[in-house]
N, C-alpha and C. Protein backbone atom coordinates (compact mmCIF):
# COMPACT_ATOMS: atom_id res chain seq x y z
N MET A 1 65.38 27.73 -29.74
CA MET A 1 64.71 27.04 -30.87
C MET A 1 63.47 27.67 -31.26
N THR A 2 62.87 28.20 -32.01
CA THR A 2 61.50 28.56 -32.69
C THR A 2 60.74 27.45 -32.82
N GLU A 3 59.50 27.67 -32.70
CA GLU A 3 58.60 26.43 -33.00
C GLU A 3 58.75 26.31 -34.69
N GLN A 4 58.90 25.05 -35.05
CA GLN A 4 59.06 24.69 -36.71
C GLN A 4 57.69 24.40 -37.46
N TYR A 5 56.61 24.08 -36.68
CA TYR A 5 55.28 23.95 -37.03
C TYR A 5 54.22 24.78 -36.24
N LYS A 6 53.13 24.63 -36.91
CA LYS A 6 52.05 24.94 -36.04
C LYS A 6 50.66 24.13 -36.69
N ILE A 7 50.05 23.64 -35.83
CA ILE A 7 48.69 22.95 -36.13
C ILE A 7 47.67 23.97 -36.30
N LEU A 8 47.21 24.12 -37.33
CA LEU A 8 46.19 25.11 -37.56
C LEU A 8 44.48 24.76 -37.00
N SER A 9 44.40 23.06 -37.64
CA SER A 9 43.21 22.92 -37.57
C SER A 9 43.40 21.17 -37.51
N ASN A 10 42.34 20.42 -36.44
CA ASN A 10 42.30 19.17 -36.75
C ASN A 10 40.85 18.95 -36.69
N TYR A 11 40.38 17.56 -37.65
CA TYR A 11 38.97 17.17 -37.69
C TYR A 11 39.12 15.66 -38.00
N ILE A 12 38.21 14.83 -37.61
CA ILE A 12 37.77 13.61 -37.95
C ILE A 12 37.38 13.48 -39.59
N LYS A 13 38.16 12.85 -40.26
CA LYS A 13 38.04 12.72 -41.57
C LYS A 13 37.17 11.50 -41.81
N ASP A 14 37.14 10.40 -41.28
CA ASP A 14 36.48 9.50 -41.24
C ASP A 14 36.57 8.44 -39.97
N MET A 15 35.35 7.90 -39.98
CA MET A 15 35.39 7.12 -38.57
C MET A 15 34.32 6.02 -38.91
N SER A 16 35.05 4.71 -38.37
CA SER A 16 34.08 3.46 -38.77
C SER A 16 33.87 2.54 -37.76
N SER A 17 33.01 1.91 -37.39
CA SER A 17 32.95 0.93 -36.26
C SER A 17 31.85 -0.13 -37.35
N GLU A 18 32.06 -1.30 -37.17
CA GLU A 18 31.45 -2.46 -37.71
C GLU A 18 31.65 -3.22 -37.09
N THR A 19 30.26 -3.75 -36.83
CA THR A 19 29.92 -5.16 -36.08
C THR A 19 28.71 -5.85 -37.07
N PRO A 20 29.09 -6.44 -37.77
CA PRO A 20 27.97 -6.89 -38.81
C PRO A 20 26.97 -7.60 -38.27
N ASP A 21 26.91 -8.53 -37.02
CA ASP A 21 25.80 -9.40 -36.75
C ASP A 21 25.87 -9.30 -35.15
N VAL A 22 24.98 -10.31 -34.42
CA VAL A 22 25.06 -10.14 -33.17
C VAL A 22 26.12 -11.37 -32.68
N GLU A 23 26.22 -12.20 -33.55
CA GLU A 23 27.48 -13.54 -33.38
C GLU A 23 28.67 -12.55 -33.26
N SER A 24 28.99 -11.49 -34.18
CA SER A 24 30.36 -10.86 -34.29
C SER A 24 30.19 -9.88 -32.87
N PHE A 25 29.38 -9.65 -32.76
CA PHE A 25 29.30 -8.64 -31.47
C PHE A 25 29.81 -9.45 -29.76
N LEU A 26 29.24 -10.65 -30.00
CA LEU A 26 29.48 -11.46 -29.05
C LEU A 26 31.02 -12.19 -28.94
N PHE A 27 31.19 -12.53 -30.19
CA PHE A 27 32.90 -12.98 -30.37
C PHE A 27 33.88 -11.70 -29.64
N THR A 28 33.44 -10.66 -30.40
CA THR A 28 34.43 -9.35 -30.30
C THR A 28 34.31 -8.98 -28.80
N LYS A 29 33.20 -9.21 -28.10
CA LYS A 29 33.25 -8.65 -26.58
C LYS A 29 34.11 -9.81 -25.80
N SER A 30 33.85 -10.90 -26.36
CA SER A 30 34.63 -11.95 -25.26
C SER A 30 36.12 -11.85 -26.04
N ASN A 31 36.48 -11.25 -26.99
CA ASN A 31 37.94 -11.69 -27.31
C ASN A 31 38.44 -10.23 -27.81
N ILE A 32 37.85 -9.18 -27.15
CA ILE A 32 38.41 -7.69 -27.56
C ILE A 32 39.77 -7.69 -27.01
N ASN A 33 40.29 -8.10 -25.73
CA ASN A 33 41.67 -8.46 -25.21
C ASN A 33 42.82 -8.89 -26.34
N LYS A 34 42.29 -9.39 -27.50
CA LYS A 34 43.20 -10.10 -28.58
C LYS A 34 43.40 -8.99 -29.70
N TYR A 35 42.49 -7.77 -29.79
CA TYR A 35 42.66 -6.62 -30.57
C TYR A 35 43.71 -6.27 -30.47
N GLU A 36 43.99 -5.61 -31.66
CA GLU A 36 45.69 -5.17 -31.83
C GLU A 36 45.51 -3.48 -32.58
N MET A 37 46.03 -2.47 -32.23
CA MET A 37 46.10 -0.88 -33.09
C MET A 37 47.25 -1.23 -34.13
N ASP A 38 46.70 -0.61 -35.09
CA ASP A 38 47.53 0.00 -36.20
C ASP A 38 47.78 1.28 -36.41
N ILE A 39 48.66 2.09 -36.54
CA ILE A 39 48.92 3.18 -36.88
C ILE A 39 49.42 3.74 -38.21
N ASP A 40 48.89 4.22 -38.91
CA ASP A 40 49.42 4.78 -40.36
C ASP A 40 49.64 6.13 -40.26
N ILE A 41 50.24 6.80 -40.82
CA ILE A 41 50.22 8.05 -40.95
C ILE A 41 50.71 8.62 -42.56
N THR A 42 50.11 9.47 -43.00
CA THR A 42 50.25 9.81 -44.47
C THR A 42 50.34 11.34 -44.47
N SER A 43 51.10 11.93 -45.54
CA SER A 43 51.03 13.37 -45.37
C SER A 43 50.70 13.48 -46.85
N LYS A 44 50.28 15.01 -47.10
CA LYS A 44 50.09 15.69 -48.40
C LYS A 44 50.29 17.18 -48.36
N PRO A 45 51.21 17.54 -49.31
CA PRO A 45 51.71 19.09 -49.15
C PRO A 45 50.53 19.61 -49.83
N LEU A 46 50.32 20.99 -49.12
CA LEU A 46 49.37 21.64 -49.68
C LEU A 46 49.94 23.15 -50.04
N LYS A 47 49.14 23.90 -50.48
CA LYS A 47 49.82 25.43 -50.75
C LYS A 47 50.41 26.07 -49.62
N ASN A 48 51.35 26.99 -49.89
CA ASN A 48 52.00 27.78 -48.80
C ASN A 48 52.41 27.10 -47.67
N LYS A 49 53.02 26.25 -47.65
CA LYS A 49 53.94 25.53 -46.70
C LYS A 49 53.07 25.03 -45.72
N LEU A 50 51.90 24.56 -46.12
CA LEU A 50 50.75 23.89 -45.48
C LEU A 50 50.92 22.27 -46.10
N ILE A 51 50.72 21.42 -44.72
CA ILE A 51 50.71 20.21 -44.88
C ILE A 51 49.41 19.47 -44.30
N GLU A 52 48.77 18.48 -45.02
CA GLU A 52 47.70 17.88 -44.44
C GLU A 52 48.13 16.27 -43.63
N VAL A 53 48.12 16.25 -42.64
CA VAL A 53 48.78 14.85 -42.00
C VAL A 53 47.67 14.17 -41.68
N ASN A 54 47.39 12.85 -42.30
CA ASN A 54 46.32 12.11 -41.80
C ASN A 54 46.77 10.88 -41.18
N THR A 55 46.28 10.86 -39.63
CA THR A 55 46.74 9.65 -38.60
C THR A 55 45.38 8.88 -38.95
N SER A 56 46.04 7.29 -39.14
CA SER A 56 44.77 6.47 -39.15
C SER A 56 45.06 5.32 -37.82
N LEU A 57 44.13 5.37 -37.47
CA LEU A 57 44.10 4.33 -35.99
C LEU A 57 43.21 2.92 -36.57
N LYS A 58 43.82 1.92 -36.39
CA LYS A 58 42.75 0.74 -37.13
C LYS A 58 43.09 0.01 -35.40
N PHE A 59 41.65 -0.47 -34.93
CA PHE A 59 41.73 -1.49 -33.90
C PHE A 59 40.72 -2.83 -34.47
N GLN A 60 41.42 -3.91 -34.44
CA GLN A 60 41.14 -5.00 -35.17
C GLN A 60 41.64 -6.51 -34.67
N ASN A 61 41.11 -7.46 -34.70
CA ASN A 61 41.46 -8.85 -34.66
C ASN A 61 41.96 -9.33 -35.91
N LYS A 62 43.14 -9.85 -35.88
CA LYS A 62 44.05 -10.02 -37.18
C LYS A 62 43.85 -11.73 -37.34
N LEU A 63 43.57 -12.27 -35.97
CA LEU A 63 43.78 -13.67 -36.25
C LEU A 63 42.58 -14.49 -36.67
N LYS A 64 41.07 -13.98 -36.46
CA LYS A 64 39.99 -14.48 -36.54
C LYS A 64 39.14 -13.68 -37.72
N PRO A 65 39.21 -13.98 -39.26
CA PRO A 65 38.75 -12.79 -40.14
C PRO A 65 37.24 -12.82 -40.30
N ASP A 66 36.66 -14.09 -39.53
CA ASP A 66 35.26 -14.22 -40.27
C ASP A 66 34.39 -13.53 -39.10
N LYS A 67 34.29 -13.81 -37.79
CA LYS A 67 33.52 -13.13 -36.86
C LYS A 67 34.16 -12.24 -36.07
N LYS A 68 34.06 -10.76 -36.69
CA LYS A 68 34.70 -9.82 -35.68
C LYS A 68 34.26 -8.38 -35.95
N SER A 69 34.52 -7.69 -35.38
CA SER A 69 34.19 -6.28 -35.31
C SER A 69 35.43 -5.34 -35.79
N TYR A 70 35.06 -4.43 -36.40
CA TYR A 70 36.36 -3.74 -36.98
C TYR A 70 36.12 -1.79 -36.77
N PHE A 71 37.07 -1.37 -36.06
CA PHE A 71 37.20 -0.05 -35.74
C PHE A 71 38.44 0.53 -36.65
N GLU A 72 38.01 1.92 -36.80
CA GLU A 72 38.77 2.80 -37.46
C GLU A 72 38.33 4.33 -37.58
N ILE A 73 39.66 5.07 -37.34
CA ILE A 73 39.48 6.64 -37.15
C ILE A 73 40.54 7.08 -38.10
N VAL A 74 40.01 7.98 -39.07
CA VAL A 74 41.43 8.58 -39.84
C VAL A 74 41.25 10.32 -39.37
N TYR A 75 42.17 10.66 -38.35
CA TYR A 75 42.33 11.79 -38.25
C TYR A 75 43.33 13.02 -38.71
N ALA A 76 42.58 14.24 -39.53
CA ALA A 76 43.50 14.96 -40.29
C ALA A 76 43.90 16.27 -39.39
N SER A 77 45.16 16.32 -39.44
CA SER A 77 45.59 17.74 -39.19
C SER A 77 46.45 18.71 -40.37
N ILE A 78 46.17 19.89 -40.16
CA ILE A 78 46.39 20.73 -41.11
C ILE A 78 47.43 21.60 -40.58
N ILE A 79 48.53 21.42 -40.87
CA ILE A 79 49.81 22.26 -40.33
C ILE A 79 50.51 23.13 -41.16
N LYS A 80 51.17 24.09 -40.40
CA LYS A 80 51.83 25.05 -41.24
C LYS A 80 53.48 24.80 -40.72
N ILE A 81 54.60 24.65 -41.92
CA ILE A 81 55.95 24.44 -41.83
C ILE A 81 56.53 25.85 -41.99
N GLU A 82 57.34 26.08 -40.84
CA GLU A 82 58.05 27.36 -40.64
C GLU A 82 59.11 27.66 -41.89
N ASP A 83 59.43 28.75 -42.52
CA ASP A 83 60.58 28.70 -43.24
C ASP A 83 61.78 28.33 -43.18
N ASP A 84 61.97 28.15 -41.49
CA ASP A 84 63.70 27.70 -41.61
C ASP A 84 63.81 26.04 -41.61
N VAL A 85 62.44 25.41 -41.64
CA VAL A 85 62.62 23.85 -42.09
C VAL A 85 62.84 23.60 -43.41
N LYS A 86 64.25 23.17 -43.53
CA LYS A 86 64.81 23.00 -44.84
C LYS A 86 65.02 21.47 -45.24
N GLU A 87 65.59 20.61 -44.19
CA GLU A 87 65.54 19.47 -44.16
C GLU A 87 64.63 18.55 -44.39
N LYS A 88 65.07 17.25 -45.21
CA LYS A 88 63.66 16.31 -45.26
C LYS A 88 63.30 15.44 -43.82
N LYS A 89 64.85 15.16 -43.53
CA LYS A 89 64.42 14.48 -41.95
C LYS A 89 64.05 15.37 -40.80
N GLU A 90 64.20 16.66 -40.94
CA GLU A 90 63.48 17.67 -40.10
C GLU A 90 61.75 17.46 -40.21
N LEU A 91 61.88 17.55 -41.42
CA LEU A 91 59.80 17.58 -41.91
C LEU A 91 59.49 15.97 -41.34
N GLN A 92 60.34 15.13 -41.68
CA GLN A 92 59.76 13.88 -41.31
C GLN A 92 59.43 13.77 -39.81
N LYS A 93 60.33 13.98 -38.84
CA LYS A 93 60.29 14.09 -37.55
C LYS A 93 58.90 14.93 -37.17
N ILE A 94 58.76 16.21 -37.73
CA ILE A 94 57.54 16.79 -37.40
C ILE A 94 56.58 16.13 -37.52
N ILE A 95 56.37 15.40 -38.61
CA ILE A 95 55.05 14.93 -39.25
C ILE A 95 54.69 13.72 -38.25
N LEU A 96 56.00 12.84 -38.35
CA LEU A 96 55.66 11.42 -37.56
C LEU A 96 55.79 11.38 -36.04
N CYS A 97 56.62 12.38 -35.68
CA CYS A 97 56.75 12.26 -34.46
C CYS A 97 55.99 13.47 -33.76
N ASP A 98 56.41 14.76 -33.72
CA ASP A 98 56.15 15.83 -33.13
C ASP A 98 54.61 16.19 -33.15
N VAL A 99 53.75 15.98 -34.31
CA VAL A 99 52.63 16.26 -34.63
C VAL A 99 52.06 15.26 -33.91
N GLN A 100 52.26 13.91 -33.99
CA GLN A 100 51.65 12.91 -33.14
C GLN A 100 51.68 12.68 -31.84
N ASN A 101 52.84 13.50 -31.02
CA ASN A 101 52.82 13.80 -29.50
C ASN A 101 52.09 14.68 -29.41
N GLU A 102 51.64 15.42 -30.09
CA GLU A 102 50.48 16.23 -29.99
C GLU A 102 49.31 15.90 -29.89
N ILE A 103 48.72 15.39 -30.92
CA ILE A 103 47.27 15.02 -31.18
C ILE A 103 47.34 13.76 -30.75
N TYR A 104 47.79 12.80 -30.62
CA TYR A 104 47.61 11.27 -29.99
C TYR A 104 46.72 11.23 -28.78
N PRO A 105 47.06 12.17 -27.69
CA PRO A 105 46.10 11.73 -26.46
C PRO A 105 44.44 11.94 -26.72
N LYS A 106 44.30 13.11 -27.68
CA LYS A 106 42.83 13.22 -28.08
C LYS A 106 42.66 12.25 -29.11
N LEU A 107 43.22 11.83 -30.05
CA LEU A 107 42.80 10.71 -30.84
C LEU A 107 42.23 9.67 -30.06
N GLU A 108 43.42 9.20 -29.35
CA GLU A 108 43.29 7.98 -28.49
C GLU A 108 41.89 7.99 -27.78
N LYS A 109 41.48 8.95 -27.25
CA LYS A 109 40.18 9.24 -26.51
C LYS A 109 38.93 9.24 -27.18
N ILE A 110 39.36 9.83 -28.56
CA ILE A 110 38.17 9.74 -29.41
C ILE A 110 37.75 8.01 -30.06
N LEU A 111 38.93 7.24 -30.10
CA LEU A 111 38.91 6.00 -30.35
C LEU A 111 38.11 5.20 -29.13
N LEU A 112 38.71 5.66 -27.98
CA LEU A 112 37.98 4.92 -26.71
C LEU A 112 36.58 5.07 -26.71
N ASN A 113 36.23 6.53 -26.97
CA ASN A 113 34.70 7.08 -26.83
C ASN A 113 33.84 6.10 -27.87
N LEU A 114 34.47 5.87 -29.13
CA LEU A 114 33.73 5.23 -30.29
C LEU A 114 33.56 3.74 -29.76
N LEU A 115 34.54 2.94 -29.25
CA LEU A 115 34.84 1.80 -28.73
C LEU A 115 33.37 1.53 -27.70
N LYS A 116 33.39 2.57 -26.76
CA LYS A 116 32.50 2.46 -25.61
C LYS A 116 31.06 2.54 -26.17
N ASP A 117 30.90 3.47 -26.99
CA ASP A 117 29.46 3.85 -27.67
C ASP A 117 29.42 2.48 -28.78
N SER A 118 30.22 2.01 -29.02
CA SER A 118 30.07 0.74 -29.85
C SER A 118 29.63 -0.68 -28.92
N GLY A 119 29.61 -0.60 -27.71
CA GLY A 119 29.02 -1.39 -27.11
C GLY A 119 30.36 -2.12 -26.40
N TYR A 120 31.40 -1.56 -26.17
CA TYR A 120 32.53 -2.57 -25.79
C TYR A 120 33.21 -1.15 -24.80
N PRO A 121 32.61 -1.04 -23.75
CA PRO A 121 33.06 -0.27 -22.25
C PRO A 121 34.31 -0.58 -21.95
N GLU A 122 34.88 -1.75 -21.98
CA GLU A 122 35.76 -2.14 -20.98
C GLU A 122 36.97 -1.76 -21.55
N VAL A 123 37.33 -1.59 -22.73
CA VAL A 123 38.43 -1.40 -23.60
C VAL A 123 39.17 -0.34 -22.81
N LYS A 124 40.45 -0.78 -22.64
CA LYS A 124 41.57 0.42 -22.16
C LYS A 124 42.81 0.03 -23.29
N PHE A 125 43.64 1.14 -23.38
CA PHE A 125 44.81 0.87 -23.75
C PHE A 125 46.09 1.08 -22.66
N GLU A 126 46.36 -0.17 -22.55
CA GLU A 126 47.39 0.01 -21.28
C GLU A 126 48.94 0.40 -21.82
N LYS A 127 49.35 0.46 -23.20
CA LYS A 127 50.68 0.60 -23.85
C LYS A 127 50.29 1.88 -24.61
N LYS A 128 51.28 2.87 -24.27
CA LYS A 128 51.32 4.18 -24.79
C LYS A 128 52.28 4.08 -25.74
N VAL A 129 52.05 5.01 -26.89
CA VAL A 129 52.74 4.73 -28.20
C VAL A 129 53.95 5.82 -28.11
N ASP A 130 55.18 5.63 -28.37
CA ASP A 130 56.27 6.10 -28.16
C ASP A 130 56.72 6.58 -29.56
N PHE A 131 56.27 7.60 -29.64
CA PHE A 131 56.64 7.94 -31.55
C PHE A 131 57.93 8.36 -31.53
N ASN A 132 58.59 8.98 -30.76
CA ASN A 132 59.72 9.33 -30.78
C ASN A 132 60.70 8.05 -31.04
N LYS A 133 60.64 7.18 -30.01
CA LYS A 133 61.00 5.68 -30.16
C LYS A 133 61.01 5.04 -31.40
N LEU A 134 59.84 5.12 -32.08
CA LEU A 134 59.58 4.40 -33.29
C LEU A 134 60.09 5.17 -34.63
N PHE A 135 60.20 6.56 -34.50
CA PHE A 135 61.06 7.27 -35.41
C PHE A 135 62.41 7.22 -35.36
N SER A 136 63.13 6.94 -34.41
CA SER A 136 64.36 6.82 -33.99
C SER A 136 64.74 5.20 -34.37
N GLU A 137 64.10 4.36 -34.35
CA GLU A 137 63.92 3.28 -34.64
C GLU A 137 64.01 2.95 -36.37
N LYS A 138 63.11 3.75 -36.97
CA LYS A 138 62.97 3.57 -38.46
C LYS A 138 64.27 4.37 -39.07
N PHE A 139 64.41 5.50 -38.59
CA PHE A 139 65.14 6.28 -39.35
C PHE A 139 66.64 6.80 -38.84
N ASN A 140 67.10 6.06 -37.60
CA ASN A 140 68.56 6.00 -37.03
C ASN A 140 68.99 4.72 -37.24
C-alpha cells in the first residue's frame, strides 16, 4: 500500500496559558491532578488536495470554574492527500487517526513544556491517547 497522505508542514497556530492571579496559581498547583485534557480535531479543505488539520488540546479543571488556570494549544498540520484516496471514511481515518498518531508525541511535548514553563513542572500524562481506538468506537 502506498502512502495516502504526506504532512507538508506543522506549526503552532495558537497557544494560551492563563493563570489570572496568585490564588488561581496556588489552587491550580494543588489541584493539577484533577485537570483533564480535551482533544478537538477539525479540518478545512484547501486547494490542490491540501487539507489544514487543526488539533486542539485543552487542559483544564472542569469542576471548579472560579479559581483555575487554563491551557490550550491549537496545532495546525498541512497535509496533501494522494489521488487514490476516494472514500470519505478513508479521509476521516487519515485526518482523525493517521495524522494524529504522527503529530501527537510532538504536540504532547509542546503542551508539557508550556505547563512546565507556566509553573507546573510536575505534570505528566500517564494515559496515552489511542486515536485508532477512538476512531473505531466512533465510526464502527
